C-alpha atoms as a PDB file:
ATOM      1  CA  UNK A   1     -26.181  43.904 -19.478  1.00  0.00           C
ATOM      2  CA  UNK A   2     -26.163  42.509 -23.008  1.00  0.00           C
ATOM      3  CA  UNK A   3     -22.853  42.570 -25.072  1.00  0.00           C
ATOM      4  CA  UNK A   4     -23.542  43.719 -28.677  1.00  0.00           C
ATOM      5  CA  UNK A   5     -23.366  40.265 -29.920  1.00  0.00           C
ATOM      6  CA  UNK A   6     -26.000  39.104 -27.463  1.00  0.00           C
ATOM      7  CA  UNK A   7     -28.198  41.897 -28.972  1.00  0.00           C
ATOM      8  CA  UNK A   8     -27.747  40.846 -32.285  1.00  0.00           C
ATOM      9  CA  UNK A   9     -28.410  37.083 -31.718  1.00  0.00           C
ATOM     10  CA  UNK A  10     -31.618  38.277 -29.727  1.00  0.00           C
ATOM     11  CA  UNK A  11     -33.025  40.377 -32.621  1.00  0.00           C
ATOM     12  CA  UNK A  12     -32.255  37.642 -35.319  1.00  0.00           C
ATOM     13  CA  UNK A  13     -33.898  34.894 -33.120  1.00  0.00           C
ATOM     14  CA  UNK A  14     -37.037  36.962 -32.188  1.00  0.00           C
ATOM     15  CA  UNK A  15     -37.549  38.468 -35.414  1.00  0.00           C
ATOM     16  CA  UNK A  16     -37.787  34.829 -36.859  1.00  0.00           C
ATOM     17  CA  UNK A  17     -40.259  33.966 -34.002  1.00  0.00           C
ATOM     18  CA  UNK A  18     -42.610  37.283 -34.580  1.00  0.00           C
ATOM     19  CA  UNK A  19     -42.863  36.825 -38.404  1.00  0.00           C
ATOM     20  CA  UNK A  20     -43.346  33.104 -38.401  1.00  0.00           C
ATOM     21  CA  UNK A  21     -46.789  33.745 -36.997  1.00  0.00           C
ATOM     22  CA  UNK A  22     -47.875  36.136 -39.782  1.00  0.00           C
ATOM     23  CA  UNK A  23     -51.023  35.080 -41.430  1.00  0.00           C
ATOM     24  CA  UNK A  24     -51.785  35.332 -44.999  1.00  0.00           C
ATOM     25  CA  UNK A  25     -54.060  38.380 -45.706  1.00  0.00           C
ATOM     26  CA  UNK A  26     -57.726  37.371 -46.528  1.00  0.00           C
ATOM     27  CA  UNK A  27     -60.076  39.232 -48.720  1.00  0.00           C
ATOM     28  CA  UNK A  28     -63.300  39.168 -46.906  1.00  0.00           C
ATOM     29  CA  UNK A  29     -65.855  41.609 -45.533  1.00  0.00           C
ATOM     30  CA  UNK A  30     -67.966  41.600 -42.601  1.00  0.00           C
ATOM     31  CA  UNK A  31     -65.605  39.957 -40.057  1.00  0.00           C
ATOM     32  CA  UNK A  32     -65.235  41.802 -36.712  1.00  0.00           C
ATOM     33  CA  UNK A  33     -61.821  42.470 -35.503  1.00  0.00           C
ATOM     34  CA  UNK A  34     -60.426  40.162 -32.623  1.00  0.00           C
ATOM     35  CA  UNK A  35     -60.429  41.460 -29.189  1.00  0.00           C
ATOM     36  CA  UNK A  36     -57.076  42.602 -28.191  1.00  0.00           C
ATOM     37  CA  UNK A  37     -54.833  39.870 -26.389  1.00  0.00           C
ATOM     38  CA  UNK A  38     -51.076  39.354 -25.737  1.00  0.00           C
ATOM     39  CA  UNK A  39     -48.907  36.954 -27.625  1.00  0.00           C
ATOM     40  CA  UNK A  40     -45.699  35.317 -25.986  1.00  0.00           C
ATOM     41  CA  UNK A  41     -42.660  33.890 -28.105  1.00  0.00           C
ATOM     42  CA  UNK A  42     -39.275  32.970 -26.438  1.00  0.00           C
ATOM     43  CA  UNK A  43     -35.950  31.765 -27.579  1.00  0.00           C
ATOM     44  CA  UNK A  44     -32.850  30.634 -25.403  1.00  0.00           C
ATOM     45  CA  UNK A  45     -29.331  30.916 -26.703  1.00  0.00           C
ATOM     46  CA  UNK A  46     -27.059  28.344 -24.714  1.00  0.00           C
ATOM     47  CA  UNK A  47     -24.924  29.905 -22.304  1.00  0.00           C
ATOM     48  CA  UNK A  48     -25.889  33.511 -23.415  1.00  0.00           C
ATOM     49  CA  UNK A  49     -29.519  34.473 -22.642  1.00  0.00           C
ATOM     50  CA  UNK A  50     -33.360  34.028 -22.615  1.00  0.00           C
ATOM     51  CA  UNK A  51     -35.065  36.298 -24.885  1.00  0.00           C
ATOM     52  CA  UNK A  52     -38.869  36.842 -24.852  1.00  0.00           C
ATOM     53  CA  UNK A  53     -41.197  38.948 -27.088  1.00  0.00           C
ATOM     54  CA  UNK A  54     -44.429  40.247 -26.360  1.00  0.00           C
ATOM     55  CA  UNK A  55     -46.817  41.303 -29.163  1.00  0.00           C
ATOM     56  CA  UNK A  56     -50.585  41.800 -29.353  1.00  0.00           C
ATOM     57  CA  UNK A  57     -52.579  39.477 -31.675  1.00  0.00           C
ATOM     58  CA  UNK A  58     -53.740  40.592 -35.074  1.00  0.00           C
ATOM     59  CA  UNK A  59     -56.174  39.012 -37.642  1.00  0.00           C
ATOM     60  CA  UNK A  60     -55.453  37.683 -41.280  1.00  0.00           C
ATOM     61  CA  UNK A  61     -57.387  40.650 -42.524  1.00  0.00           C
ATOM     62  CA  UNK A  62     -54.936  43.229 -41.178  1.00  0.00           C
ATOM     63  CA  UNK A  63     -51.374  41.792 -42.061  1.00  0.00           C
ATOM     64  CA  UNK A  64     -49.490  39.326 -44.352  1.00  0.00           C
ATOM     65  CA  UNK A  65     -46.149  38.773 -45.881  1.00  0.00           C
ATOM     66  CA  UNK A  66     -46.704  41.758 -48.233  1.00  0.00           C
ATOM     67  CA  UNK A  67     -47.364  44.251 -45.204  1.00  0.00           C
ATOM     68  CA  UNK A  68     -44.748  46.886 -44.510  1.00  0.00           C
ATOM     69  CA  UNK A  69     -43.336  44.871 -41.829  1.00  0.00           C
ATOM     70  CA  UNK A  70     -41.085  47.806 -40.008  1.00  0.00           C
ATOM     71  CA  UNK A  71     -44.168  49.866 -39.613  1.00  0.00           C
ATOM     72  CA  UNK A  72     -46.515  47.023 -38.611  1.00  0.00           C
ATOM     73  CA  UNK A  73     -44.231  45.647 -35.866  1.00  0.00           C
ATOM     74  CA  UNK A  74     -44.487  49.075 -34.142  1.00  0.00           C
ATOM     75  CA  UNK A  75     -48.220  48.679 -33.843  1.00  0.00           C
ATOM     76  CA  UNK A  76     -47.954  45.112 -32.244  1.00  0.00           C
ATOM     77  CA  UNK A  77     -44.943  45.048 -30.244  1.00  0.00           C
ATOM     78  CA  UNK A  78     -45.706  45.751 -26.299  1.00  0.00           C
ATOM     79  CA  UNK A  79     -43.141  47.613 -24.365  1.00  0.00           C
ATOM     80  CA  UNK A  80     -42.993  48.872 -20.622  1.00  0.00           C
ATOM     81  CA  UNK A  81     -43.941  45.463 -19.253  1.00  0.00           C
ATOM     82  CA  UNK A  82     -42.331  43.968 -16.076  1.00  0.00           C
ATOM     83  CA  UNK A  83     -41.829  40.470 -16.832  1.00  0.00           C
ATOM     84  CA  UNK A  84     -41.067  37.940 -14.121  1.00  0.00           C
ATOM     85  CA  UNK A  85     -39.285  34.747 -14.524  1.00  0.00           C
ATOM     86  CA  UNK A  86     -39.099  32.381 -11.530  1.00  0.00           C
ATOM     87  CA  UNK A  87     -36.573  29.341 -11.630  1.00  0.00           C
ATOM     88  CA  UNK A  88     -34.948  27.283  -8.827  1.00  0.00           C
ATOM     89  CA  UNK A  89     -36.938  29.371  -6.066  1.00  0.00           C
ATOM     90  CA  UNK A  90     -35.584  32.842  -7.451  1.00  0.00           C
ATOM     91  CA  UNK A  91     -37.436  35.407  -9.075  1.00  0.00           C
ATOM     92  CA  UNK A  92     -35.653  37.512 -11.989  1.00  0.00           C
ATOM     93  CA  UNK A  93     -36.945  40.543 -13.844  1.00  0.00           C
ATOM     94  CA  UNK A  94     -36.212  40.675 -17.438  1.00  0.00           C
ATOM     95  CA  UNK A  95     -34.546  43.730 -19.091  1.00  0.00           C
ATOM     96  CA  UNK A  96     -36.117  45.623 -21.928  1.00  0.00           C
ATOM     97  CA  UNK A  97     -33.567  45.385 -24.872  1.00  0.00           C
ATOM     98  CA  UNK A  98     -35.721  46.620 -27.693  1.00  0.00           C
ATOM     99  CA  UNK A  99     -39.265  47.648 -28.255  1.00  0.00           C
ATOM    100  CA  UNK A 100     -41.412  44.661 -27.257  1.00  0.00           C
ATOM    101  CA  UNK A 101     -38.317  42.454 -26.612  1.00  0.00           C
ATOM    102  CA  UNK A 102     -37.111  41.616 -23.217  1.00  0.00           C
ATOM    103  CA  UNK A 103     -33.810  39.736 -22.268  1.00  0.00           C
ATOM    104  CA  UNK A 104     -32.246  37.815 -19.249  1.00  0.00           C
ATOM    105  CA  UNK A 105     -28.558  36.971 -19.310  1.00  0.00           C
ATOM    106  CA  UNK A 106     -28.092  35.377 -15.904  1.00  0.00           C
ATOM    107  CA  UNK A 107     -30.782  32.668 -15.985  1.00  0.00           C
ATOM    108  CA  UNK A 108     -29.545  29.290 -14.717  1.00  0.00           C
ATOM    109  CA  UNK A 109     -29.917  26.807 -17.845  1.00  0.00           C
ATOM    110  CA  UNK A 110     -30.075  23.242 -16.653  1.00  0.00           C
ATOM    111  CA  UNK A 111     -32.194  20.402 -18.137  1.00  0.00           C
ATOM    112  CA  UNK A 112     -35.292  19.432 -15.992  1.00  0.00           C
ATOM    113  CA  UNK A 113     -35.800  23.034 -14.537  1.00  0.00           C
ATOM    114  CA  UNK A 114     -39.108  24.397 -14.420  1.00  0.00           C
ATOM    115  CA  UNK A 115     -39.435  28.237 -15.573  1.00  0.00           C
ATOM    116  CA  UNK A 116     -42.302  30.161 -14.715  1.00  0.00           C
ATOM    117  CA  UNK A 117     -43.138  33.475 -16.655  1.00  0.00           C
ATOM    118  CA  UNK A 118     -45.759  36.059 -15.387  1.00  0.00           C
ATOM    119  CA  UNK A 119     -46.617  39.968 -16.176  1.00  0.00           C
ATOM    120  CA  UNK A 120     -49.620  41.925 -15.886  1.00  0.00           C
ATOM    121  CA  UNK A 121     -51.763  41.859 -19.102  1.00  0.00           C
ATOM    122  CA  UNK A 122     -52.242  45.355 -20.291  1.00  0.00           C
ATOM    123  CA  UNK A 123     -55.748  44.718 -22.135  1.00  0.00           C
ATOM    124  CA  UNK A 124     -57.420  43.362 -19.104  1.00  0.00           C
ATOM    125  CA  UNK A 125     -55.311  43.922 -15.840  1.00  0.00           C
ATOM    126  CA  UNK A 126     -55.180  40.368 -15.117  1.00  0.00           C
ATOM    127  CA  UNK A 127     -51.861  38.166 -14.756  1.00  0.00           C
ATOM    128  CA  UNK A 128     -50.572  36.458 -18.114  1.00  0.00           C
ATOM    129  CA  UNK A 129     -48.792  33.306 -17.021  1.00  0.00           C
ATOM    130  CA  UNK A 130     -46.817  30.429 -18.759  1.00  0.00           C
ATOM    131  CA  UNK A 131     -44.446  27.729 -17.425  1.00  0.00           C
ATOM    132  CA  UNK A 132     -42.222  25.245 -19.358  1.00  0.00           C
ATOM    133  CA  UNK A 133     -39.281  22.803 -18.355  1.00  0.00           C
ATOM    134  CA  UNK A 134     -35.992  23.040 -19.961  1.00  0.00           C
ATOM    135  CA  UNK A 135     -35.456  20.219 -22.354  1.00  0.00           C
ATOM    136  CA  UNK A 136     -32.274  18.089 -22.676  1.00  0.00           C
ATOM    137  CA  UNK A 137     -29.731  19.567 -24.924  1.00  0.00           C
ATOM    138  CA  UNK A 138     -29.346  17.472 -28.115  1.00  0.00           C
ATOM    139  CA  UNK A 139     -26.682  18.955 -30.631  1.00  0.00           C
ATOM    140  CA  UNK A 140     -25.748  17.852 -34.219  1.00  0.00           C
ATOM    141  CA  UNK A 141     -23.444  14.695 -34.248  1.00  0.00           C
ATOM    142  CA  UNK A 142     -22.542  15.938 -37.777  1.00  0.00           C
ATOM    143  CA  UNK A 143     -23.814  18.534 -40.226  1.00  0.00           C
ATOM    144  CA  UNK A 144     -22.841  18.902 -43.837  1.00  0.00           C
ATOM    145  CA  UNK A 145     -24.609  21.110 -46.648  1.00  0.00           C
ATOM    146  CA  UNK A 146     -24.388  21.479 -50.446  1.00  0.00           C
ATOM    147  CA  UNK A 147     -26.091  23.483 -53.274  1.00  0.00           C
ATOM    148  CA  UNK A 148     -28.251  21.971 -55.643  1.00  0.00           C
ATOM    149  CA  UNK A 149     -28.638  23.914 -58.796  1.00  0.00           C
ATOM    150  CA  UNK A 150     -31.661  23.422 -61.282  1.00  0.00           C
ATOM    151  CA  UNK A 151     -32.996  25.543 -64.137  1.00  0.00           C
ATOM    152  CA  UNK A 152     -35.283  27.659 -61.796  1.00  0.00           C
ATOM    153  CA  UNK A 153     -33.142  28.273 -58.582  1.00  0.00           C
ATOM    154  CA  UNK A 154     -30.490  27.026 -56.283  1.00  0.00           C
ATOM    155  CA  UNK A 155     -31.674  24.951 -53.344  1.00  0.00           C
ATOM    156  CA  UNK A 156     -29.792  23.882 -50.131  1.00  0.00           C
ATOM    157  CA  UNK A 157     -29.305  20.205 -49.333  1.00  0.00           C
ATOM    158  CA  UNK A 158     -28.792  19.532 -45.687  1.00  0.00           C
ATOM    159  CA  UNK A 159     -27.328  16.094 -44.327  1.00  0.00           C
ATOM    160  CA  UNK A 160     -27.028  15.812 -40.640  1.00  0.00           C
ATOM    161  CA  UNK A 161     -26.918  13.183 -37.730  1.00  0.00           C
ATOM    162  CA  UNK A 162     -27.686  13.330 -34.217  1.00  0.00           C
ATOM    163  CA  UNK A 163     -27.551  10.874 -30.988  1.00  0.00           C
ATOM    164  CA  UNK A 164     -31.256  10.326 -29.868  1.00  0.00           C
ATOM    165  CA  UNK A 165     -31.372  10.234 -25.956  1.00  0.00           C
ATOM    166  CA  UNK A 166     -33.564   7.661 -24.261  1.00  0.00           C
ATOM    167  CA  UNK A 167     -37.349   8.448 -24.019  1.00  0.00           C
ATOM    168  CA  UNK A 168     -39.786   9.810 -26.632  1.00  0.00           C
ATOM    169  CA  UNK A 169     -38.189  12.911 -28.491  1.00  0.00           C
ATOM    170  CA  UNK A 170     -39.420  15.701 -30.987  1.00  0.00           C
ATOM    171  CA  UNK A 171     -36.847  17.921 -32.967  1.00  0.00           C
ATOM    172  CA  UNK A 172     -36.930  20.993 -35.014  1.00  0.00           C
ATOM    173  CA  UNK A 173     -34.219  22.166 -37.592  1.00  0.00           C
ATOM    174  CA  UNK A 174     -34.247  25.813 -38.719  1.00  0.00           C
ATOM    175  CA  UNK A 175     -32.640  27.044 -41.722  1.00  0.00           C
ATOM    176  CA  UNK A 176     -32.365  30.771 -41.988  1.00  0.00           C
ATOM    177  CA  UNK A 177     -30.390  32.983 -44.423  1.00  0.00           C
ATOM    178  CA  UNK A 178     -28.574  35.820 -42.529  1.00  0.00           C
ATOM    179  CA  UNK A 179     -27.743  39.250 -43.772  1.00  0.00           C
ATOM    180  CA  UNK A 180     -26.837  42.426 -42.231  1.00  0.00           C
ATOM    181  CA  UNK A 181     -30.017  44.172 -42.446  1.00  0.00           C
ATOM    182  CA  UNK A 182     -31.633  41.116 -40.412  1.00  0.00           C
ATOM    183  CA  UNK A 183     -34.640  41.149 -43.056  1.00  0.00           C
ATOM    184  CA  UNK A 184     -37.591  39.613 -40.725  1.00  0.00           C
ATOM    185  CA  UNK A 185     -39.742  39.040 -44.050  1.00  0.00           C
ATOM    186  CA  UNK A 186     -37.139  36.109 -44.691  1.00  0.00           C
ATOM    187  CA  UNK A 187     -38.893  33.611 -42.658  1.00  0.00           C
ATOM    188  CA  UNK A 188     -36.924  30.311 -41.765  1.00  0.00           C
ATOM    189  CA  UNK A 189     -37.412  26.700 -43.209  1.00  0.00           C
ATOM    190  CA  UNK A 190     -38.618  24.387 -40.557  1.00  0.00           C
ATOM    191  CA  UNK A 191     -37.903  20.598 -40.548  1.00  0.00           C
ATOM    192  CA  UNK A 192     -39.633  18.620 -37.940  1.00  0.00           C
ATOM    193  CA  UNK A 193     -38.431  15.107 -36.831  1.00  0.00           C
ATOM    194  CA  UNK A 194     -39.642  12.700 -34.041  1.00  0.00           C
ATOM    195  CA  UNK A 195     -37.977   9.404 -33.003  1.00  0.00           C
ATOM    196  CA  UNK A 196     -41.129   6.984 -33.479  1.00  0.00           C
ATOM    197  CA  UNK A 197     -38.931   5.126 -36.058  1.00  0.00           C
ATOM    198  CA  UNK A 198     -35.550   5.342 -34.182  1.00  0.00           C
ATOM    199  CA  UNK A 199     -34.784   5.050 -30.369  1.00  0.00           C
ATOM    200  CA  UNK A 200     -31.663   5.748 -28.435  1.00  0.00           C
ATOM    201  CA  UNK A 201     -29.078   5.563 -31.254  1.00  0.00           C
ATOM    202  CA  UNK A 202     -27.436   7.609 -33.811  1.00  0.00           C
ATOM    203  CA  UNK A 203     -29.824   8.980 -36.515  1.00  0.00           C
ATOM    204  CA  UNK A 204     -28.788  10.173 -39.919  1.00  0.00           C
ATOM    205  CA  UNK A 205     -30.890  11.976 -42.414  1.00  0.00           C
ATOM    206  CA  UNK A 206     -31.109  14.570 -45.063  1.00  0.00           C
ATOM    207  CA  UNK A 207     -33.678  17.219 -46.340  1.00  0.00           C
ATOM    208  CA  UNK A 208     -33.968  19.796 -49.146  1.00  0.00           C
ATOM    209  CA  UNK A 209     -34.739  23.498 -48.261  1.00  0.00           C
ATOM    210  CA  UNK A 210     -37.352  24.467 -50.893  1.00  0.00           C
ATOM    211  CA  UNK A 211     -39.097  27.807 -51.731  1.00  0.00           C
ATOM    212  CA  UNK A 212     -35.655  29.600 -51.657  1.00  0.00           C
ATOM    213  CA  UNK A 213     -32.859  30.581 -53.741  1.00  0.00           C
ATOM    214  CA  UNK A 214     -29.583  30.395 -52.455  1.00  0.00           C
ATOM    215  CA  UNK A 215     -26.218  31.631 -53.439  1.00  0.00           C
ATOM    216  CA  UNK A 216     -22.538  30.598 -52.814  1.00  0.00           C
ATOM    217  CA  UNK A 217     -21.900  33.853 -50.850  1.00  0.00           C
ATOM    218  CA  UNK A 218     -24.828  33.245 -48.495  1.00  0.00           C
ATOM    219  CA  UNK A 219     -24.404  32.987 -44.706  1.00  0.00           C
ATOM    220  CA  UNK A 220     -26.772  30.559 -43.465  1.00  0.00           C
ATOM    221  CA  UNK A 221     -27.886  29.810 -39.769  1.00  0.00           C
ATOM    222  CA  UNK A 222     -28.798  26.229 -39.036  1.00  0.00           C
ATOM    223  CA  UNK A 223     -30.237  25.115 -35.730  1.00  0.00           C
ATOM    224  CA  UNK A 224     -31.242  21.750 -34.144  1.00  0.00           C
ATOM    225  CA  UNK A 225     -33.456  21.841 -31.103  1.00  0.00           C
ATOM    226  CA  UNK A 226     -34.894  19.187 -28.854  1.00  0.00           C
ATOM    227  CA  UNK A 227     -38.571  20.414 -28.244  1.00  0.00           C
ATOM    228  CA  UNK A 228     -41.642  19.310 -26.272  1.00  0.00           C
ATOM    229  CA  UNK A 229     -44.279  17.320 -27.803  1.00  0.00           C
ATOM    230  CA  UNK A 230     -46.893  20.323 -27.367  1.00  0.00           C
ATOM    231  CA  UNK A 231     -44.456  22.642 -29.531  1.00  0.00           C
ATOM    232  CA  UNK A 232     -43.945  19.893 -31.971  1.00  0.00           C
ATOM    233  CA  UNK A 233     -47.567  19.700 -32.584  1.00  0.00           C
ATOM    234  CA  UNK A 234     -47.987  23.323 -32.950  1.00  0.00           C
ATOM    235  CA  UNK A 235     -45.207  23.535 -35.349  1.00  0.00           C
ATOM    236  CA  UNK A 236     -46.673  20.601 -37.390  1.00  0.00           C
ATOM    237  CA  UNK A 237     -49.938  22.155 -37.722  1.00  0.00           C
ATOM    238  CA  UNK A 238     -48.272  25.738 -38.614  1.00  0.00           C
ATOM    239  CA  UNK A 239     -46.320  23.784 -41.432  1.00  0.00           C
ATOM    240  CA  UNK A 240     -49.324  22.137 -42.738  1.00  0.00           C
ATOM    241  CA  UNK A 241     -51.109  25.272 -43.034  1.00  0.00           C
ATOM    242  CA  UNK A 242     -48.140  27.060 -44.720  1.00  0.00           C
ATOM    243  CA  UNK A 243     -47.907  24.828 -47.365  1.00  0.00           C
ATOM    244  CA  UNK A 244     -51.718  24.734 -48.081  1.00  0.00           C
ATOM    245  CA  UNK A 245     -51.516  26.177 -51.496  1.00  0.00           C
ATOM    246  CA  UNK A 246     -55.538  26.659 -51.881  1.00  0.00           C
ATOM    247  CA  UNK A 247     -55.975  28.211 -48.557  1.00  0.00           C
ATOM    248  CA  UNK A 248     -59.508  29.183 -49.350  1.00  0.00           C
ATOM    249  CA  UNK A 249     -60.400  25.410 -49.122  1.00  0.00           C
ATOM    250  CA  UNK A 250     -58.605  25.014 -45.716  1.00  0.00           C
ATOM    251  CA  UNK A 251     -60.463  24.780 -42.538  1.00  0.00           C
ATOM    252  CA  UNK A 252     -60.121  27.266 -39.725  1.00  0.00           C
ATOM    253  CA  UNK A 253     -57.360  26.538 -37.334  1.00  0.00           C
ATOM    254  CA  UNK A 254     -56.990  27.045 -33.669  1.00  0.00           C
ATOM    255  CA  UNK A 255     -53.351  26.771 -32.675  1.00  0.00           C
ATOM    256  CA  UNK A 256     -52.321  25.342 -29.256  1.00  0.00           C
ATOM    257  CA  UNK A 257     -50.754  27.523 -26.563  1.00  0.00           C
ATOM    258  CA  UNK A 258     -49.169  27.041 -23.206  1.00  0.00           C
ATOM    259  CA  UNK A 259     -49.911  30.591 -22.102  1.00  0.00           C
ATOM    260  CA  UNK A 260     -52.739  31.423 -19.575  1.00  0.00           C
ATOM    261  CA  UNK A 261     -54.405  34.660 -20.395  1.00  0.00           C
ATOM    262  CA  UNK A 262     -52.721  35.014 -23.917  1.00  0.00           C
ATOM    263  CA  UNK A 263     -51.651  33.319 -26.905  1.00  0.00           C
ATOM    264  CA  UNK A 264     -48.219  32.040 -28.226  1.00  0.00           C
ATOM    265  CA  UNK A 265     -45.622  29.558 -26.647  1.00  0.00           C
ATOM    266  CA  UNK A 266     -43.127  30.123 -23.683  1.00  0.00           C
ATOM    267  CA  UNK A 267     -40.300  27.633 -24.370  1.00  0.00           C
ATOM    268  CA  UNK A 268     -36.972  26.671 -22.755  1.00  0.00           C
ATOM    269  CA  UNK A 269     -35.384  24.850 -25.429  1.00  0.00           C
ATOM    270  CA  UNK A 270     -31.546  24.697 -25.816  1.00  0.00           C
ATOM    271  CA  UNK A 271     -30.653  24.849 -29.703  1.00  0.00           C
ATOM    272  CA  UNK A 272     -27.391  23.793 -31.374  1.00  0.00           C
ATOM    273  CA  UNK A 273     -26.619  26.944 -33.534  1.00  0.00           C
ATOM    274  CA  UNK A 274     -24.133  26.511 -36.442  1.00  0.00           C
ATOM    275  CA  UNK A 275     -23.565  29.420 -38.640  1.00  0.00           C
ATOM    276  CA  UNK A 276     -22.377  28.268 -42.064  1.00  0.00           C
ATOM    277  CA  UNK A 277     -20.174  30.604 -44.149  1.00  0.00           C
ATOM    278  CA  UNK A 278     -20.111  30.640 -47.979  1.00  0.00           C
ATOM    279  CA  UNK A 279     -16.973  28.798 -48.083  1.00  0.00           C
ATOM    280  CA  UNK A 280     -18.460  25.869 -46.173  1.00  0.00           C
ATOM    281  CA  UNK A 281     -21.052  25.315 -48.816  1.00  0.00           C
END
């Protein structure tokens, strides 16, 4: 069973995943509601657990960042499912640890392992399936942060290095402010990297976290994850849409998925998670 810290980390991880897909609300009329379908999100904490959230899909007409998130989540999270994970010839049944959130803390975590997820889709009675392969762990070689104060707000500058393994690789760095209330409306900042300009070497770079206002007392979670090309393309498309200031002029977007009979992404990525305390800034 999950210890208290496991449960806390699980809620943090999946809160970020759920809210990250919230669309901006659209002021239009005469558009039919989408057919109900399940959406899969997942997160692994190394040597701890696999967490999966199951929600229903929703349209940009019904929710957005200004919605009442707590009440809205109760309408989209799907509980009482029996979720199976198959790995290394063994089948595991996930525990229900919160409404719409499922966990498994005895799953083997080895690079190259194929994981297969399956459950009965409550909307059509058919099997929803997805599979993914555990990516090689890549952690920070170094990580430093500093605050950048200007006349408008206080930004966070992140300097990091990593050792890039052989082959083509794609990386995601998430930066998220943490507080005791676990406010899921505070979405993470995502920096994407691919190794097309470096290969099999130590790579150093930096970026600034904008559209935020940090303070010296903040506690900040920073994670580095080696991800699949398919998930990188999904995140790249999502970032492009997020920073499109004139959304009315944008083209409709169909996001990629690796879920059969559903949407979302089932991933087996091992993040290097660092929690930076105020005195480290």
